[in-house]
Amino acid sequence: MLVSLLPVCLTALALCAAPAEPSPADDALVAEFRVYYDKDKTPEERREAILTLEGSDSAAAIEALSVALDDDEYLVRRAAVDVMASMRDPAGAQWLVEEVLEDRKRSKNEVLVAGVIEVLGGMRHALAREAIEEYLGDRDLGLRLGAVNGLARLGDPA
């Protein structure tokens, strides 16, 4: 009996570990966000555009929302952090590390980086702790605070 369950368990594990493909609904929400999020709109309108992606979980949503992490308005940035931190797609976390933290130009934007490291903590992926801890000793207070917030969102993995 145990031997016959092994293939079923391995298949279930593989399906759970596979990155989620964006659903057509996610694609539609990302397209809607791109239409309604515009720097010329009011902070309230930009925040509402961000909230359209609440419940979405794809690398495309992470990529689209990343522009809001650099918004001039604090409440807009907070909405982006909160929505992105609720996502769990490993491809989205990997995108943030590669395209923001490891990017020579984007990694110099302290506001953007502080948001990304807090988002990574909320996403709770294995790569998050190492990426976040790199900023704990940074000279920039905003980055240190972002790292502390990211570790607080990450919690204790044990």
N, C-alpha and C. Protein backbone atom coordinates (compact mmCIF):
# COMPACT_ATOMS: atom_id res chain seq x y z
N MET A 1 0.82 -1.20 0.00
CA MET A 1 0.00 0.00 0.00
C MET A 1 0.87 1.26 0.00
N LEU A 2 1.89 1.28 0.84
CA LEU A 2 2.77 2.45 0.93
C LEU A 2 3.48 2.70 -0.38
N VAL A 3 3.92 1.64 -1.05
CA VAL A 3 4.63 1.77 -2.31
C VAL A 3 3.71 2.37 -3.38
N SER A 4 2.45 2.00 -3.39
CA SER A 4 1.54 2.51 -4.42
C SER A 4 1.18 3.99 -4.20
N LEU A 5 1.34 4.49 -2.99
CA LEU A 5 1.06 5.90 -2.72
C LEU A 5 2.23 6.82 -3.08
N LEU A 6 3.42 6.25 -3.20
CA LEU A 6 4.60 7.06 -3.48
C LEU A 6 4.47 7.88 -4.76
N PRO A 7 4.05 7.30 -5.91
CA PRO A 7 3.91 8.13 -7.11
C PRO A 7 2.87 9.23 -6.95
N VAL A 8 1.80 8.95 -6.25
CA VAL A 8 0.77 9.95 -6.03
C VAL A 8 1.32 11.10 -5.19
N CYS A 9 2.06 10.76 -4.14
CA CYS A 9 2.64 11.80 -3.27
C CYS A 9 3.66 12.64 -4.03
N LEU A 10 4.50 12.00 -4.84
CA LEU A 10 5.50 12.74 -5.62
C LEU A 10 4.84 13.66 -6.63
N THR A 11 3.78 13.20 -7.26
CA THR A 11 3.05 14.04 -8.21
C THR A 11 2.43 15.24 -7.51
N ALA A 12 1.82 15.01 -6.35
CA ALA A 12 1.21 16.11 -5.59
C ALA A 12 2.26 17.11 -5.16
N LEU A 13 3.41 16.63 -4.72
CA LEU A 13 4.50 17.51 -4.31
C LEU A 13 5.00 18.34 -5.48
N ALA A 14 5.15 17.72 -6.64
CA ALA A 14 5.60 18.45 -7.82
C ALA A 14 4.61 19.53 -8.22
N LEU A 15 3.32 19.23 -8.14
CA LEU A 15 2.31 20.23 -8.49
C LEU A 15 2.31 21.40 -7.52
N CYS A 16 2.52 21.12 -6.24
CA CYS A 16 2.55 22.19 -5.24
C CYS A 16 3.79 23.05 -5.38
N ALA A 17 4.90 22.45 -5.79
CA ALA A 17 6.16 23.18 -5.88
C ALA A 17 6.28 23.96 -7.18
N ALA A 18 5.50 23.60 -8.19
CA ALA A 18 5.59 24.27 -9.48
C ALA A 18 5.08 25.70 -9.37
N PRO A 19 5.77 26.64 -10.02
CA PRO A 19 5.28 28.02 -9.97
C PRO A 19 3.92 28.13 -10.62
N ALA A 20 3.08 28.93 -10.03
CA ALA A 20 1.72 29.10 -10.53
C ALA A 20 1.74 29.92 -11.82
N GLU A 21 1.02 29.44 -12.80
CA GLU A 21 0.86 30.19 -14.04
C GLU A 21 -0.16 31.29 -13.78
N PRO A 22 0.08 32.47 -14.29
CA PRO A 22 -0.91 33.52 -14.08
C PRO A 22 -2.23 33.13 -14.73
N SER A 23 -3.29 33.35 -14.00
CA SER A 23 -4.60 33.03 -14.54
C SER A 23 -5.03 34.16 -15.48
N PRO A 24 -5.98 33.88 -16.36
CA PRO A 24 -6.50 34.96 -17.21
C PRO A 24 -7.05 36.13 -16.38
N ALA A 25 -7.60 35.80 -15.21
CA ALA A 25 -8.11 36.86 -14.33
C ALA A 25 -6.97 37.74 -13.84
N ASP A 26 -5.83 37.12 -13.47
CA ASP A 26 -4.66 37.90 -13.05
C ASP A 26 -4.18 38.80 -14.18
N ASP A 27 -4.12 38.24 -15.40
CA ASP A 27 -3.70 39.03 -16.55
C ASP A 27 -4.62 40.22 -16.77
N ALA A 28 -5.92 40.01 -16.62
CA ALA A 28 -6.88 41.09 -16.80
C ALA A 28 -6.71 42.15 -15.71
N LEU A 29 -6.46 41.70 -14.47
CA LEU A 29 -6.26 42.65 -13.38
C LEU A 29 -4.99 43.48 -13.57
N VAL A 30 -3.93 42.83 -14.04
CA VAL A 30 -2.68 43.55 -14.31
C VAL A 30 -2.90 44.58 -15.41
N ALA A 31 -3.62 44.20 -16.45
CA ALA A 31 -3.92 45.14 -17.54
C ALA A 31 -4.75 46.31 -17.02
N GLU A 32 -5.72 46.03 -16.16
CA GLU A 32 -6.55 47.09 -15.58
C GLU A 32 -5.70 48.03 -14.72
N PHE A 33 -4.81 47.45 -13.92
CA PHE A 33 -3.92 48.27 -13.09
C PHE A 33 -3.08 49.19 -13.97
N ARG A 34 -2.51 48.67 -15.03
CA ARG A 34 -1.65 49.49 -15.90
C ARG A 34 -2.43 50.65 -16.53
N VAL A 35 -3.71 50.46 -16.77
CA VAL A 35 -4.54 51.52 -17.34
C VAL A 35 -4.81 52.60 -16.30
N TYR A 36 -5.10 52.19 -15.06
CA TYR A 36 -5.56 53.15 -14.06
C TYR A 36 -4.46 53.73 -13.17
N TYR A 37 -3.30 53.09 -13.10
CA TYR A 37 -2.22 53.65 -12.28
C TYR A 37 -1.42 54.60 -13.15
N ASP A 38 -1.48 55.87 -12.80
CA ASP A 38 -0.79 56.90 -13.56
C ASP A 38 -0.34 57.97 -12.57
N LYS A 39 0.91 58.40 -12.71
CA LYS A 39 1.46 59.40 -11.79
C LYS A 39 0.67 60.71 -11.82
N ASP A 40 -0.07 60.96 -12.90
CA ASP A 40 -0.86 62.19 -13.00
C ASP A 40 -2.18 62.11 -12.24
N LYS A 41 -2.54 60.93 -11.79
CA LYS A 41 -3.80 60.77 -11.04
C LYS A 41 -3.57 61.13 -9.57
N THR A 42 -4.65 61.29 -8.85
CA THR A 42 -4.54 61.63 -7.43
C THR A 42 -4.00 60.43 -6.65
N PRO A 43 -3.43 60.68 -5.47
CA PRO A 43 -2.96 59.55 -4.65
C PRO A 43 -4.06 58.53 -4.35
N GLU A 44 -5.26 59.01 -4.13
CA GLU A 44 -6.38 58.10 -3.86
C GLU A 44 -6.67 57.21 -5.06
N GLU A 45 -6.63 57.78 -6.27
CA GLU A 45 -6.87 57.00 -7.48
C GLU A 45 -5.75 55.98 -7.70
N ARG A 46 -4.51 56.39 -7.44
CA ARG A 46 -3.38 55.45 -7.59
C ARG A 46 -3.49 54.32 -6.57
N ARG A 47 -3.89 54.65 -5.36
CA ARG A 47 -4.06 53.63 -4.32
C ARG A 47 -5.17 52.65 -4.71
N GLU A 48 -6.27 53.16 -5.23
CA GLU A 48 -7.36 52.30 -5.68
C GLU A 48 -6.90 51.38 -6.82
N ALA A 49 -6.08 51.91 -7.72
CA ALA A 49 -5.55 51.08 -8.80
C ALA A 49 -4.72 49.93 -8.24
N ILE A 50 -3.93 50.21 -7.22
CA ILE A 50 -3.12 49.17 -6.57
C ILE A 50 -4.01 48.11 -5.95
N LEU A 51 -5.07 48.54 -5.31
CA LEU A 51 -5.96 47.60 -4.63
C LEU A 51 -6.70 46.68 -5.59
N THR A 52 -6.73 47.02 -6.90
CA THR A 52 -7.35 46.12 -7.87
C THR A 52 -6.56 44.82 -7.97
N LEU A 53 -5.28 44.84 -7.59
CA LEU A 53 -4.45 43.64 -7.66
C LEU A 53 -4.42 42.86 -6.35
N GLU A 54 -5.21 43.29 -5.37
CA GLU A 54 -5.29 42.54 -4.12
C GLU A 54 -5.88 41.16 -4.40
N GLY A 55 -5.23 40.13 -3.92
CA GLY A 55 -5.67 38.77 -4.17
C GLY A 55 -5.04 38.15 -5.40
N SER A 56 -4.38 38.95 -6.20
CA SER A 56 -3.66 38.44 -7.35
C SER A 56 -2.37 37.81 -6.85
N ASP A 57 -1.80 36.89 -7.62
CA ASP A 57 -0.56 36.24 -7.18
C ASP A 57 0.23 35.77 -8.38
N SER A 58 0.94 36.69 -9.01
CA SER A 58 1.74 36.33 -10.17
C SER A 58 2.94 37.26 -10.27
N ALA A 59 3.94 36.78 -10.97
CA ALA A 59 5.13 37.61 -11.20
C ALA A 59 4.76 38.85 -12.00
N ALA A 60 3.78 38.73 -12.90
CA ALA A 60 3.34 39.89 -13.69
C ALA A 60 2.74 40.96 -12.80
N ALA A 61 1.99 40.55 -11.78
CA ALA A 61 1.42 41.51 -10.84
C ALA A 61 2.52 42.18 -10.02
N ILE A 62 3.50 41.40 -9.59
CA ILE A 62 4.64 41.95 -8.83
C ILE A 62 5.38 42.98 -9.69
N GLU A 63 5.65 42.60 -10.93
CA GLU A 63 6.37 43.51 -11.83
C GLU A 63 5.58 44.80 -12.05
N ALA A 64 4.29 44.67 -12.28
CA ALA A 64 3.46 45.85 -12.52
C ALA A 64 3.41 46.76 -11.29
N LEU A 65 3.26 46.16 -10.12
CA LEU A 65 3.15 46.94 -8.88
C LEU A 65 4.48 47.57 -8.45
N SER A 66 5.58 47.07 -8.95
CA SER A 66 6.88 47.59 -8.50
C SER A 66 7.04 49.08 -8.76
N VAL A 67 6.35 49.61 -9.78
CA VAL A 67 6.45 51.04 -10.05
C VAL A 67 5.86 51.86 -8.90
N ALA A 68 4.89 51.29 -8.19
CA ALA A 68 4.24 52.01 -7.10
C ALA A 68 5.11 52.06 -5.84
N LEU A 69 6.13 51.21 -5.76
CA LEU A 69 7.02 51.24 -4.59
C LEU A 69 7.88 52.50 -4.57
N ASP A 70 7.91 53.21 -5.69
CA ASP A 70 8.70 54.43 -5.81
C ASP A 70 7.80 55.67 -5.93
N ASP A 71 6.53 55.51 -5.58
CA ASP A 71 5.57 56.62 -5.67
C ASP A 71 5.96 57.73 -4.70
N ASP A 72 5.62 58.95 -5.05
CA ASP A 72 5.92 60.10 -4.18
C ASP A 72 5.11 60.08 -2.89
N GLU A 73 3.95 59.46 -2.91
CA GLU A 73 3.06 59.46 -1.75
C GLU A 73 3.25 58.21 -0.89
N TYR A 74 3.47 58.44 0.40
CA TYR A 74 3.71 57.35 1.33
C TYR A 74 2.56 56.34 1.36
N LEU A 75 1.31 56.79 1.41
CA LEU A 75 0.18 55.87 1.49
C LEU A 75 0.03 55.01 0.24
N VAL A 76 0.44 55.53 -0.89
CA VAL A 76 0.41 54.75 -2.13
C VAL A 76 1.48 53.66 -2.05
N ARG A 77 2.69 54.04 -1.60
CA ARG A 77 3.76 53.05 -1.43
C ARG A 77 3.35 51.96 -0.45
N ARG A 78 2.71 52.36 0.68
CA ARG A 78 2.29 51.37 1.70
C ARG A 78 1.27 50.39 1.11
N ALA A 79 0.35 50.89 0.31
CA ALA A 79 -0.64 50.01 -0.30
C ALA A 79 0.06 48.99 -1.21
N ALA A 80 1.04 49.46 -1.97
CA ALA A 80 1.78 48.55 -2.86
C ALA A 80 2.53 47.50 -2.04
N VAL A 81 3.18 47.91 -0.97
CA VAL A 81 3.91 46.96 -0.12
C VAL A 81 2.94 45.92 0.43
N ASP A 82 1.82 46.36 0.96
CA ASP A 82 0.87 45.43 1.57
C ASP A 82 0.29 44.44 0.56
N VAL A 83 -0.07 44.91 -0.62
CA VAL A 83 -0.64 44.03 -1.63
C VAL A 83 0.43 43.05 -2.12
N MET A 84 1.62 43.54 -2.41
CA MET A 84 2.69 42.68 -2.91
C MET A 84 3.13 41.66 -1.86
N ALA A 85 3.19 42.07 -0.60
CA ALA A 85 3.65 41.18 0.46
C ALA A 85 2.69 40.02 0.70
N SER A 86 1.46 40.16 0.26
CA SER A 86 0.49 39.07 0.43
C SER A 86 0.62 38.00 -0.66
N MET A 87 1.41 38.28 -1.68
CA MET A 87 1.59 37.34 -2.78
C MET A 87 2.64 36.29 -2.41
N ARG A 88 2.54 35.11 -2.99
CA ARG A 88 3.45 34.01 -2.64
C ARG A 88 4.16 33.39 -3.83
N ASP A 89 3.96 33.93 -5.02
CA ASP A 89 4.57 33.35 -6.22
C ASP A 89 6.10 33.46 -6.15
N PRO A 90 6.81 32.33 -6.14
CA PRO A 90 8.28 32.37 -6.07
C PRO A 90 8.90 33.13 -7.24
N ALA A 91 8.27 33.08 -8.40
CA ALA A 91 8.81 33.80 -9.55
C ALA A 91 8.76 35.31 -9.32
N GLY A 92 7.75 35.77 -8.61
CA GLY A 92 7.66 37.20 -8.28
C GLY A 92 8.76 37.62 -7.32
N ALA A 93 9.03 36.79 -6.32
CA ALA A 93 10.12 37.09 -5.38
C ALA A 93 11.45 37.09 -6.10
N GLN A 94 11.65 36.13 -6.97
CA GLN A 94 12.90 36.05 -7.74
C GLN A 94 13.05 37.28 -8.63
N TRP A 95 11.94 37.71 -9.25
CA TRP A 95 11.98 38.89 -10.11
C TRP A 95 12.43 40.12 -9.30
N LEU A 96 11.88 40.28 -8.09
CA LEU A 96 12.26 41.43 -7.25
C LEU A 96 13.75 41.42 -6.93
N VAL A 97 14.28 40.26 -6.60
CA VAL A 97 15.70 40.17 -6.27
C VAL A 97 16.55 40.49 -7.50
N GLU A 98 16.24 39.84 -8.62
CA GLU A 98 17.07 40.01 -9.81
C GLU A 98 16.92 41.37 -10.48
N GLU A 99 15.69 41.85 -10.59
CA GLU A 99 15.43 43.06 -11.36
C GLU A 99 15.49 44.35 -10.55
N VAL A 100 15.50 44.23 -9.23
CA VAL A 100 15.60 45.44 -8.41
C VAL A 100 16.86 45.40 -7.55
N LEU A 101 16.96 44.43 -6.66
CA LEU A 101 18.08 44.40 -5.72
C LEU A 101 19.43 44.17 -6.39
N GLU A 102 19.44 43.38 -7.46
CA GLU A 102 20.71 43.08 -8.14
C GLU A 102 20.95 43.97 -9.35
N ASP A 103 20.01 44.83 -9.67
CA ASP A 103 20.15 45.73 -10.81
C ASP A 103 20.98 46.94 -10.39
N ARG A 104 22.00 47.25 -11.15
CA ARG A 104 22.95 48.32 -10.79
C ARG A 104 22.25 49.67 -10.64
N LYS A 105 21.34 50.01 -11.53
CA LYS A 105 20.67 51.31 -11.48
C LYS A 105 19.55 51.34 -10.45
N ARG A 106 18.65 50.37 -10.50
CA ARG A 106 17.49 50.37 -9.61
C ARG A 106 17.87 50.17 -8.15
N SER A 107 18.95 49.46 -7.89
CA SER A 107 19.34 49.20 -6.50
C SER A 107 19.86 50.45 -5.79
N LYS A 108 20.06 51.53 -6.52
CA LYS A 108 20.51 52.78 -5.91
C LYS A 108 19.34 53.63 -5.41
N ASN A 109 18.13 53.25 -5.75
CA ASN A 109 16.93 53.97 -5.33
C ASN A 109 16.51 53.42 -3.96
N GLU A 110 16.87 54.14 -2.89
CA GLU A 110 16.64 53.65 -1.53
C GLU A 110 15.17 53.43 -1.21
N VAL A 111 14.30 54.28 -1.70
CA VAL A 111 12.86 54.14 -1.44
C VAL A 111 12.35 52.84 -2.08
N LEU A 112 12.74 52.59 -3.31
CA LEU A 112 12.34 51.37 -4.01
C LEU A 112 12.89 50.13 -3.30
N VAL A 113 14.17 50.15 -2.97
CA VAL A 113 14.81 48.99 -2.33
C VAL A 113 14.18 48.71 -0.95
N ALA A 114 13.92 49.76 -0.17
CA ALA A 114 13.31 49.56 1.15
C ALA A 114 11.95 48.89 1.01
N GLY A 115 11.19 49.30 0.01
CA GLY A 115 9.89 48.65 -0.23
C GLY A 115 10.05 47.20 -0.65
N VAL A 116 11.00 46.93 -1.52
CA VAL A 116 11.22 45.57 -2.01
C VAL A 116 11.63 44.64 -0.87
N ILE A 117 12.52 45.08 0.01
CA ILE A 117 12.96 44.17 1.07
C ILE A 117 11.83 43.91 2.08
N GLU A 118 10.96 44.88 2.26
CA GLU A 118 9.80 44.64 3.12
C GLU A 118 8.81 43.69 2.44
N VAL A 119 8.63 43.85 1.14
CA VAL A 119 7.75 42.94 0.39
C VAL A 119 8.28 41.51 0.46
N LEU A 120 9.59 41.35 0.25
CA LEU A 120 10.18 40.01 0.29
C LEU A 120 9.93 39.33 1.64
N GLY A 121 10.01 40.09 2.71
CA GLY A 121 9.70 39.52 4.03
C GLY A 121 8.28 39.03 4.11
N GLY A 122 7.36 39.81 3.57
CA GLY A 122 5.96 39.42 3.59
C GLY A 122 5.67 38.22 2.71
N MET A 123 6.43 38.07 1.62
CA MET A 123 6.23 36.95 0.71
C MET A 123 6.71 35.63 1.33
N ARG A 124 7.61 35.73 2.28
CA ARG A 124 8.10 34.57 3.06
C ARG A 124 8.72 33.47 2.21
N HIS A 125 9.64 33.87 1.35
CA HIS A 125 10.36 32.87 0.56
C HIS A 125 11.75 32.67 1.13
N ALA A 126 12.32 31.52 0.83
CA ALA A 126 13.63 31.15 1.37
C ALA A 126 14.70 32.19 1.02
N LEU A 127 14.63 32.75 -0.17
CA LEU A 127 15.65 33.70 -0.58
C LEU A 127 15.52 35.05 0.12
N ALA A 128 14.42 35.27 0.81
CA ALA A 128 14.15 36.58 1.41
C ALA A 128 15.10 36.92 2.55
N ARG A 129 15.32 35.98 3.48
CA ARG A 129 16.12 36.29 4.67
C ARG A 129 17.51 36.81 4.31
N GLU A 130 18.19 36.11 3.42
CA GLU A 130 19.54 36.53 3.04
C GLU A 130 19.53 37.90 2.37
N ALA A 131 18.57 38.10 1.47
CA ALA A 131 18.48 39.38 0.76
C ALA A 131 18.19 40.52 1.74
N ILE A 132 17.33 40.27 2.71
CA ILE A 132 16.96 41.30 3.68
C ILE A 132 18.11 41.61 4.64
N GLU A 133 18.76 40.57 5.14
CA GLU A 133 19.82 40.76 6.13
C GLU A 133 20.98 41.59 5.60
N GLU A 134 21.18 41.59 4.28
CA GLU A 134 22.25 42.40 3.69
C GLU A 134 22.06 43.89 3.99
N TYR A 135 20.84 44.31 4.25
CA TYR A 135 20.54 45.73 4.44
C TYR A 135 20.48 46.15 5.91
N LEU A 136 20.62 45.22 6.82
CA LEU A 136 20.54 45.56 8.25
C LEU A 136 21.65 46.53 8.68
N GLY A 137 22.81 46.44 8.07
CA GLY A 137 23.92 47.31 8.43
C GLY A 137 24.13 48.46 7.47
N ASP A 138 23.18 48.71 6.59
CA ASP A 138 23.34 49.77 5.60
C ASP A 138 23.43 51.13 6.26
N ARG A 139 24.14 52.04 5.62
CA ARG A 139 24.28 53.40 6.17
C ARG A 139 22.98 54.19 6.10
N ASP A 140 22.10 53.83 5.17
CA ASP A 140 20.83 54.54 5.01
C ASP A 140 19.80 54.03 6.02
N LEU A 141 19.29 54.96 6.83
CA LEU A 141 18.32 54.60 7.86
C LEU A 141 17.05 53.99 7.27
N GLY A 142 16.59 54.49 6.13
CA GLY A 142 15.39 53.96 5.49
C GLY A 142 15.57 52.50 5.08
N LEU A 143 16.76 52.15 4.59
CA LEU A 143 17.02 50.77 4.21
C LEU A 143 17.12 49.87 5.43
N ARG A 144 17.73 50.35 6.48
CA ARG A 144 17.80 49.56 7.72
C ARG A 144 16.39 49.32 8.26
N LEU A 145 15.56 50.36 8.25
CA LEU A 145 14.19 50.23 8.72
C LEU A 145 13.40 49.26 7.84
N GLY A 146 13.60 49.34 6.52
CA GLY A 146 12.96 48.41 5.61
C GLY A 146 13.38 46.97 5.89
N ALA A 147 14.66 46.77 6.22
CA ALA A 147 15.16 45.43 6.55
C ALA A 147 14.53 44.92 7.84
N VAL A 148 14.43 45.78 8.83
CA VAL A 148 13.80 45.37 10.10
C VAL A 148 12.33 45.01 9.86
N ASN A 149 11.63 45.84 9.10
CA ASN A 149 10.22 45.55 8.77
C ASN A 149 10.10 44.27 7.96
N GLY A 150 11.03 44.06 7.02
CA GLY A 150 11.01 42.84 6.22
C GLY A 150 11.22 41.60 7.07
N LEU A 151 12.17 41.67 8.02
CA LEU A 151 12.39 40.52 8.91
C LEU A 151 11.19 40.30 9.83
N ALA A 152 10.56 41.37 10.26
CA ALA A 152 9.36 41.23 11.11
C ALA A 152 8.24 40.54 10.33
N ARG A 153 8.07 40.90 9.05
CA ARG A 153 7.05 40.26 8.22
C ARG A 153 7.41 38.80 7.92
N LEU A 154 8.71 38.55 7.78
CA LEU A 154 9.18 37.20 7.48
C LEU A 154 8.91 36.27 8.64
N GLY A 155 9.11 36.76 9.85
CA GLY A 155 8.86 35.94 11.02
C GLY A 155 9.94 34.89 11.23
N ASP A 156 9.70 34.01 12.14
CA ASP A 156 10.63 32.95 12.47
C ASP A 156 10.32 31.74 11.59
N PRO A 157 11.28 31.33 10.75
CA PRO A 157 11.00 30.19 9.87
C PRO A 157 10.88 28.86 10.58
N ALA A 158 11.30 28.79 11.81
CA ALA A 158 11.27 27.51 12.54
C ALA A 158 9.89 27.16 13.03
